[in-house]
Protein backbone atom coordinates (compact mmCIF):
# COMPACT_ATOMS: atom_id res chain seq x y z
CA MET A 1 -38.61 4.15 7.61
CA ALA A 2 -36.96 5.45 4.63
CA GLU A 3 -37.52 3.10 1.57
CA GLY A 4 -34.91 0.87 1.25
CA MET A 5 -33.91 0.78 4.65
CA ILE A 6 -31.76 -2.37 5.94
CA LEU A 7 -34.82 -4.01 8.16
CA GLU A 8 -32.66 -5.70 11.81
CA GLY A 9 -32.33 -9.53 11.38
CA ALA A 10 -32.92 -9.79 7.66
CA ALA A 11 -31.63 -13.34 6.59
CA ARG A 12 -29.84 -12.46 3.21
CA ARG A 13 -26.51 -11.48 2.59
CA ASP A 14 -27.25 -7.90 1.90
CA ILE A 15 -23.61 -5.47 3.67
CA ILE A 16 -21.17 -5.62 0.63
CA VAL A 17 -17.59 -4.04 2.41
CA ILE A 18 -15.11 -3.66 -0.77
CA GLY A 19 -11.73 -2.38 -1.46
CA GLY A 20 -8.35 -2.77 -2.90
CA SER A 21 -5.24 0.01 -2.47
CA ALA A 22 -2.57 -0.07 -5.63
CA GLY A 23 -4.51 -1.21 -8.53
CA GLY A 24 -7.46 -1.13 -7.09
CA LEU A 25 -9.04 1.76 -8.63
CA GLU A 26 -9.40 -0.05 -12.00
CA ALA A 27 -11.10 -3.42 -10.42
CA LEU A 28 -13.07 -1.22 -8.31
CA CYS A 29 -14.65 0.23 -10.85
CA GLN A 30 -14.74 -2.89 -13.00
CA VAL A 31 -16.91 -4.34 -10.05
CA LEU A 32 -19.12 -1.50 -9.29
CA SER A 33 -20.23 -0.12 -13.14
CA ASP A 34 -21.48 -3.79 -13.48
CA LEU A 35 -23.24 -4.14 -10.30
CA PRO A 36 -27.25 -3.56 -11.37
CA GLU A 37 -29.48 -0.76 -10.13
CA ASP A 38 -31.75 -2.77 -8.16
CA LEU A 39 -28.53 -4.37 -5.78
CA PRO A 40 -30.61 -5.51 -2.32
CA ALA A 41 -27.56 -4.64 -1.01
CA ALA A 42 -25.90 -1.53 0.56
CA VAL A 43 -22.05 -1.37 -0.73
CA PHE A 44 -19.02 0.05 1.36
CA ALA A 45 -16.14 1.17 -1.12
CA LEU A 46 -12.52 2.01 0.21
CA LEU A 47 -9.13 2.67 -1.76
CA HIS A 48 -6.52 3.07 0.26
CA MET A 49 -5.81 6.90 -0.06
CA GLY A 50 -3.56 10.07 -0.07
CA ALA A 51 -4.99 13.32 2.42
CA SER A 52 -7.03 13.94 -0.75
CA SER A 53 -9.40 11.64 -3.37
CA HIS A 54 -11.77 12.24 -6.53
CA LEU A 55 -12.71 8.94 -6.26
CA ALA A 56 -16.37 8.62 -5.67
CA GLN A 57 -16.49 11.59 -8.35
CA ILE A 58 -15.06 9.03 -10.62
CA LEU A 59 -17.46 5.69 -9.40
CA ASP A 60 -20.35 8.22 -10.20
CA GLN A 61 -19.66 8.55 -13.49
CA LYS A 62 -19.36 4.74 -14.23
CA VAL A 63 -21.83 3.47 -11.59
CA LYS A 64 -25.56 2.75 -12.14
CA LEU A 65 -26.09 2.80 -8.18
CA PRO A 66 -26.28 6.04 -6.36
CA VAL A 67 -22.64 6.68 -5.10
CA LEU A 68 -22.09 8.52 -1.81
CA SER A 69 -19.33 10.28 0.23
CA ALA A 70 -19.76 9.00 3.53
CA GLU A 71 -20.56 11.01 6.05
CA LYS A 72 -21.04 10.76 9.38
CA GLY A 73 -24.25 9.53 10.58
CA MET A 74 -26.07 8.59 7.65
CA VAL A 75 -28.12 5.79 7.51
CA ILE A 76 -27.53 3.12 5.66
CA GLN A 77 -29.95 1.84 2.88
CA ASN A 78 -29.54 -0.62 0.34
CA GLY A 79 -28.81 0.25 -3.48
CA ARG A 80 -26.23 2.65 -2.46
CA VAL A 81 -22.25 2.88 -3.06
CA TYR A 82 -20.76 4.75 0.15
CA VAL A 83 -17.82 5.48 -0.15
CA ALA A 84 -14.32 5.79 1.79
CA VAL A 85 -12.96 9.69 2.43
CA PRO A 86 -9.95 10.74 3.39
CA GLY A 87 -8.22 10.69 6.61
CA VAL A 88 -11.08 8.88 8.47
CA HIS A 89 -11.69 5.13 9.31
CA LEU A 90 -15.28 3.88 7.46
CA LEU A 91 -16.94 2.21 10.51
CA LEU A 92 -20.21 0.88 10.67
CA HIS A 93 -22.41 0.36 13.94
CA ASP A 94 -25.92 -0.46 14.21
CA ASP A 95 -28.37 0.95 11.11
CA HIS A 96 -25.35 4.24 10.15
CA ILE A 97 -22.35 5.14 9.49
CA LEU A 98 -18.96 6.42 11.53
CA LEU A 99 -16.00 8.07 10.69
CA ARG A 100 -12.98 7.90 12.92
CA ARG A 101 -9.39 9.65 13.23
CA GLY A 102 -8.73 6.42 15.04
CA PRO A 103 -4.96 4.46 14.75
CA ARG A 104 -3.85 3.65 10.94
CA GLU A 105 -3.50 0.46 10.52
CA ASN A 106 -1.24 -0.84 7.56
CA LEU A 107 -0.25 2.09 7.06
CA ALA A 108 -2.93 3.74 5.90
CA ARG A 109 -6.39 5.44 7.25
CA PRO A 110 -8.92 4.60 5.80
CA ALA A 111 -8.21 0.95 6.12
CA LEU A 112 -9.93 -2.24 4.95
CA ASP A 113 -9.59 -4.43 8.42
CA PRO A 114 -11.32 -1.86 10.45
CA LEU A 115 -14.55 -1.65 7.68
CA PHE A 116 -14.13 -5.53 7.43
CA ARG A 117 -14.39 -5.94 11.45
CA SER A 118 -16.96 -2.82 12.05
CA ALA A 119 -19.60 -4.58 9.54
CA ALA A 120 -18.44 -8.16 11.31
CA CYS A 121 -19.45 -7.17 14.46
CA THR A 122 -22.66 -5.03 13.30
CA PHE A 123 -23.82 -7.36 10.79
CA GLY A 124 -22.23 -11.21 11.18
CA SER A 125 -22.77 -13.16 8.42
CA ARG A 126 -24.71 -10.50 6.73
CA VAL A 127 -21.77 -9.36 5.27
CA ILE A 128 -19.78 -10.44 2.41
CA GLY A 129 -15.99 -8.72 2.23
CA VAL A 130 -14.29 -8.25 -1.49
CA VAL A 131 -10.15 -7.98 -1.28
CA LEU A 132 -9.08 -6.41 -4.85
CA SER A 133 -5.77 -5.61 -5.90
CA GLY A 134 -3.42 -3.90 -3.76
CA ALA A 135 -0.02 -3.75 -2.20
CA LEU A 136 1.17 -5.84 1.10
CA SER A 137 -1.64 -7.31 3.27
CA ASP A 138 -4.31 -4.87 4.38
CA GLY A 139 -7.33 -6.75 4.23
CA ALA A 140 -6.41 -10.53 4.75
CA ALA A 141 -7.20 -9.91 9.19
CA GLY A 142 -10.67 -7.91 8.14
CA LEU A 143 -11.71 -10.69 5.98
CA ARG A 144 -10.43 -13.16 8.99
CA ALA A 145 -13.12 -11.38 10.91
CA ILE A 146 -15.87 -11.69 8.45
CA LYS A 147 -15.46 -15.10 8.15
CA ARG A 148 -15.48 -15.92 12.13
CA CYS A 149 -18.72 -13.79 12.52
CA GLY A 150 -19.77 -16.31 9.96
CA GLY A 151 -19.60 -13.72 6.66
CA MET A 152 -18.22 -14.59 3.13
CA ALA A 153 -15.09 -13.94 2.01
CA VAL A 154 -14.07 -13.05 -2.42
CA VAL A 155 -10.94 -12.26 -3.36
CA GLN A 156 -9.93 -10.71 -7.11
CA ASP A 157 -8.08 -13.66 -9.02
CA PRO A 158 -4.33 -12.52 -7.95
CA ALA A 159 -3.33 -13.36 -11.78
CA GLU A 160 -5.33 -10.72 -13.02
CA ALA A 161 -4.54 -8.28 -9.97
CA ALA A 162 -2.01 -5.77 -11.28
CA VAL A 163 -0.48 -5.60 -7.84
CA PRO A 164 -1.77 -9.16 -6.47
CA SER A 165 -0.33 -8.98 -3.06
CA MET A 166 -3.35 -7.68 -1.03
CA PRO A 167 -5.71 -10.61 -2.46
CA GLN A 168 -2.72 -13.46 -2.35
CA SER A 169 -2.47 -12.63 1.17
CA ALA A 170 -5.71 -13.02 2.01
CA ILE A 171 -5.50 -16.15 0.04
CA ARG A 172 -2.76 -17.72 2.42
CA HIS A 173 -4.68 -16.47 5.45
CA VAL A 174 -7.86 -16.86 5.19
CA ALA A 175 -10.25 -19.84 3.68
CA ILE A 176 -12.07 -17.95 1.28
CA ASP A 177 -14.66 -18.86 -0.52
CA HIS A 178 -14.72 -17.25 -3.80
CA VAL A 179 -11.90 -15.96 -6.61
CA ALA A 180 -12.56 -14.43 -9.93
CA PRO A 181 -11.38 -11.68 -11.98
CA ALA A 182 -12.46 -8.25 -11.46
CA HIS A 183 -15.32 -8.68 -14.48
CA LYS A 184 -16.66 -11.69 -13.04
CA LEU A 185 -17.30 -10.71 -9.32
CA ALA A 186 -20.62 -7.92 -9.68
CA ALA A 187 -22.69 -11.41 -10.75
CA LEU A 188 -20.79 -13.08 -8.46
CA LEU A 189 -21.98 -10.96 -5.50
CA VAL A 190 -25.07 -10.36 -6.41
CA LYS A 191 -25.75 -14.21 -6.85
CA LEU A 192 -24.10 -13.82 -3.33
CA THR A 193 -27.38 -11.34 -2.15
CA ARG A 194 -30.28 -13.47 -2.90
CA GLN A 195 -28.47 -16.25 -0.51
CA PRO A 196 -30.09 -16.75 2.61
CA ALA A 197 -27.39 -15.54 5.73
CA GLY A 198 -27.79 -18.20 8.20
CA LEU A 199 -27.36 -17.60 11.50
CA SER A 200 -24.48 -15.16 13.01
CA PRO A 201 -21.90 -16.57 15.88
CA GLU A 202 -21.32 -14.95 18.67
CA ILE A 203 -19.20 -12.10 17.78
CA PRO A 204 -15.18 -12.72 19.02
CA LEU A 205 -14.06 -10.84 22.14
CA GLU A 206 -10.94 -9.55 20.28
CA ILE A 207 -13.00 -8.51 17.28
CA ARG A 208 -15.17 -6.28 19.38
CA LEU A 209 -12.25 -4.55 20.83
CA GLU A 210 -10.04 -4.45 17.53
CA THR A 211 -13.54 -2.28 16.13
CA ALA A 212 -13.81 -0.26 18.99
CA ILE A 213 -9.80 0.76 18.97
CA ALA A 214 -10.48 2.24 15.57
CA ALA A 215 -13.50 3.95 16.58
CA GLN A 216 -11.54 5.38 19.76
CA GLU A 217 -14.01 4.14 22.12
CA LEU A 218 -11.19 2.07 23.55
CA SER A 219 -7.26 2.77 23.74
CA SER A 220 -5.58 0.78 26.96
CA MET A 221 -3.44 -1.78 28.65
CA ALA A 222 -5.71 -3.28 29.83
CA ALA A 223 -7.63 -3.64 26.36
CA ASP A 224 -4.10 -4.25 24.62
CA ASP A 225 -3.35 -7.41 27.21
CA LYS A 226 -6.61 -8.95 25.75
CA LEU A 227 -5.39 -9.13 22.18
CA GLY A 228 -1.99 -10.08 22.57
CA THR A 229 1.75 -10.73 23.98
CA PRO A 230 3.94 -8.23 24.51
CA SER A 231 7.00 -8.29 22.05
CA ARG A 232 10.23 -6.93 21.40
CA PHE A 233 9.32 -4.37 19.04
CA THR A 234 8.70 -0.66 18.70
CA CYS A 235 5.95 0.20 16.86
CA PRO A 236 7.58 2.21 13.77
CA GLU A 237 4.86 5.18 14.38
CA CYS A 238 4.78 6.37 17.29
CA HIS A 239 7.85 4.14 19.09
CA GLY A 240 5.51 2.49 21.63
CA ALA A 241 5.86 -0.97 22.39
CA LEU A 242 3.83 -3.33 20.20
CA TRP A 243 1.95 -6.49 20.79
CA GLN A 244 2.29 -9.93 18.88
CA ILE A 245 -1.97 -10.72 18.09
CA ASP A 246 -1.51 -14.36 16.95
CA ASP A 247 -4.55 -14.54 14.27
CA GLY A 248 -4.76 -17.82 12.80
CA ASN A 249 -1.68 -18.36 10.54
CA LEU A 250 -1.82 -14.38 10.13
CA LEU A 251 1.00 -12.60 12.57
CA ARG A 252 0.09 -9.06 13.46
CA TYR A 253 1.64 -6.16 15.87
CA ARG A 254 -0.68 -3.57 17.47
CA CYS A 255 1.03 -1.19 20.42
CA HIS A 256 -0.51 0.67 22.82
CA VAL A 257 -1.92 3.68 21.14
CA GLY A 258 -4.11 1.11 18.25
CA HIS A 259 -1.54 1.35 14.97
CA ALA A 260 -1.57 -2.08 13.70
CA TYR A 261 0.35 -3.55 11.46
CA THR A 262 0.70 -7.15 9.75
CA ALA A 263 3.84 -8.53 9.60
CA ASP A 264 5.17 -7.44 6.50
CA ALA A 265 3.38 -4.21 6.59
CA MET A 266 5.56 -3.82 10.07
CA LEU A 267 9.01 -5.13 7.68
CA SER A 268 7.34 -1.88 5.30
CA ALA A 269 7.15 0.04 8.16
CA GLN A 270 10.59 -0.36 9.49
CA THR A 271 12.27 -0.14 6.01
CA VAL A 272 10.80 3.30 5.85
CA ARG A 273 11.73 4.56 9.40
CA ALA A 274 15.22 3.02 8.49
CA GLU A 275 15.66 5.28 5.19
CA GLU A 276 14.67 7.98 7.49
CA MET A 277 17.19 7.83 10.21
CA LEU A 278 20.18 7.26 7.50
CA TRP A 279 19.18 10.55 5.41
CA SER A 280 18.88 11.89 8.63
CA LEU A 281 22.12 10.84 9.74
CA MET A 282 24.02 11.52 6.54
CA ARG A 283 22.94 15.01 7.13
CA THR A 284 23.98 15.51 9.84
CA HIS A 285 27.67 14.47 9.07
CA GLN A 286 27.35 16.79 5.98
CA GLU A 287 26.22 19.60 7.96
CA ARG A 288 29.25 18.89 10.60
CA ALA A 289 31.86 18.68 8.11
CA GLU A 290 30.45 22.38 6.82
CA LEU A 291 30.52 23.48 10.18
CA ALA A 292 33.85 22.72 10.36
CA ARG A 293 35.06 24.06 7.15
CA ARG A 294 33.89 27.55 8.09
CA MET A 295 35.09 27.64 11.61
CA ALA A 296 38.49 26.37 9.96
CA ALA A 297 38.03 29.80 7.87
CA GLN A 298 37.81 31.87 10.56
CA GLU A 299 40.59 30.35 12.46
CA ARG A 300 43.02 30.82 9.43
CA SER A 301 41.51 34.89 9.26
CA MET A 302 43.03 34.83 12.71
CA ASN A 303 45.87 33.14 11.55
CA ARG A 304 45.73 30.23 13.80
CA GLU A 305 46.92 27.57 11.33
CA ARG A 306 47.44 24.62 13.39
CA LEU A 307 43.63 24.51 14.60
CA ALA A 308 42.59 25.48 11.26
CA GLU A 309 44.09 22.36 9.75
CA GLU A 310 42.70 20.27 12.73
CA LEU A 311 39.66 21.70 12.05
CA LEU A 312 39.65 20.74 8.27
CA GLU A 313 41.19 16.70 8.67
CA ARG A 314 37.66 16.69 10.93
CA ALA A 315 35.42 18.34 8.12
CA HIS A 316 37.26 15.27 6.11
CA GLY A 317 36.11 12.98 8.52
CA TYR A 318 32.91 13.71 8.77
CA GLU A 319 32.98 13.40 4.99
CA GLU A 320 33.57 10.18 4.82
CA ASP A 321 31.50 9.24 7.08
CA ALA A 322 29.00 10.71 4.89
CA GLN A 323 30.24 8.93 2.26
CA VAL A 324 30.03 5.46 4.36
CA VAL A 325 25.80 6.52 4.86
CA ALA A 326 25.17 7.14 1.66
CA THR A 327 26.87 3.74 0.50
CA LEU A 328 24.04 2.14 2.75
CA LEU A 329 21.39 4.37 1.65
CA ARG A 330 21.58 3.34 -1.82
CA SER A 331 21.19 -0.27 -0.55
CA TYR A 332 18.12 0.82 0.95
CA ARG A 333 16.74 2.42 -1.81
CA SER A 334 17.32 -0.68 -3.92
CA THR A 335 16.07 -2.98 -1.61
CA MET A 336 12.74 -0.12 -1.36
CA ALA A 337 12.63 -0.07 -4.71
CA ALA A 338 11.99 -3.84 -4.68
CA GLU A 339 8.40 -3.50 -2.83
CA GLU A 340 5.73 -2.62 -4.63
CA PRO A 341 4.32 0.79 -4.21
CA GLU A 342 1.42 2.01 -2.64
CA GLN A 343 -0.44 4.64 -4.96
CA GLU A 344 -2.67 7.17 -4.42
CA VAL A 345 -6.38 7.53 -5.48
CA PRO A 346 -6.90 10.42 -8.00
């Protein structure tokens, strides 16, 4: 057995899952750089990211612990930091890492909720979940799963977070154990890893089902029916029917494909979808106007003035329609500007 490998049945909190989104990089660097080299736990770090990321390289320059980009099948060892990579969910199973291109959750892949749930499913009361700065509410449902499976819930103090939405959402929806500024989180985590974990309760069926969906081991209507009740809404990504999941006081949705949203992530996705539709509609009206003008020019070249005038009148109507849509677009863009932006990891 490799030195530092986690033993099944360990009676302490030796699994730390931590992450954020917009504004979370600085906090993550602060926390991880303050952890000691002899940390008796494995750390799994995740920030929302684009198609490429240098997060592991950035952390490796600042952190005392070995920093590894997560790879499929890696055996989990204490005293390591495993970093999520673009395009796949970072999941934990038994004593190793899974990377799965499962459905996006809260518009992200990798996302915090699947990581947190998989950790809760596998390690129960041994898990410490930490939510850092970020927009919207990814991490809240995952922290609830950790708490329901006997683990600990920790959040960065929203008052000092660059973007406080994620910590605030976690505090609203989860019985948080500790709230602390970033510069105090490492000392807190070290203290918690030295405490007994206690017994893990039986893992709730719905947590196991959602973990299986993220791992692409389960995606069926029957499974979704067990998770919630049909809603009148459609998925912003695949346009399929959404099921409503009443997760305590946290309102969530999941479609039959597996895309999942908290209510505020759903609202944000619908806003983006509405703007995209308006851009498409405006472009269509503009193209219709241009085509009608070209047709009018063609008719005029053949001395068919009456038809040319009719086409020019239609072009004018299409241009007016485009202006109406442009006004709606300006309104939507103002709404979106008020939303907290997601930031890609460098």
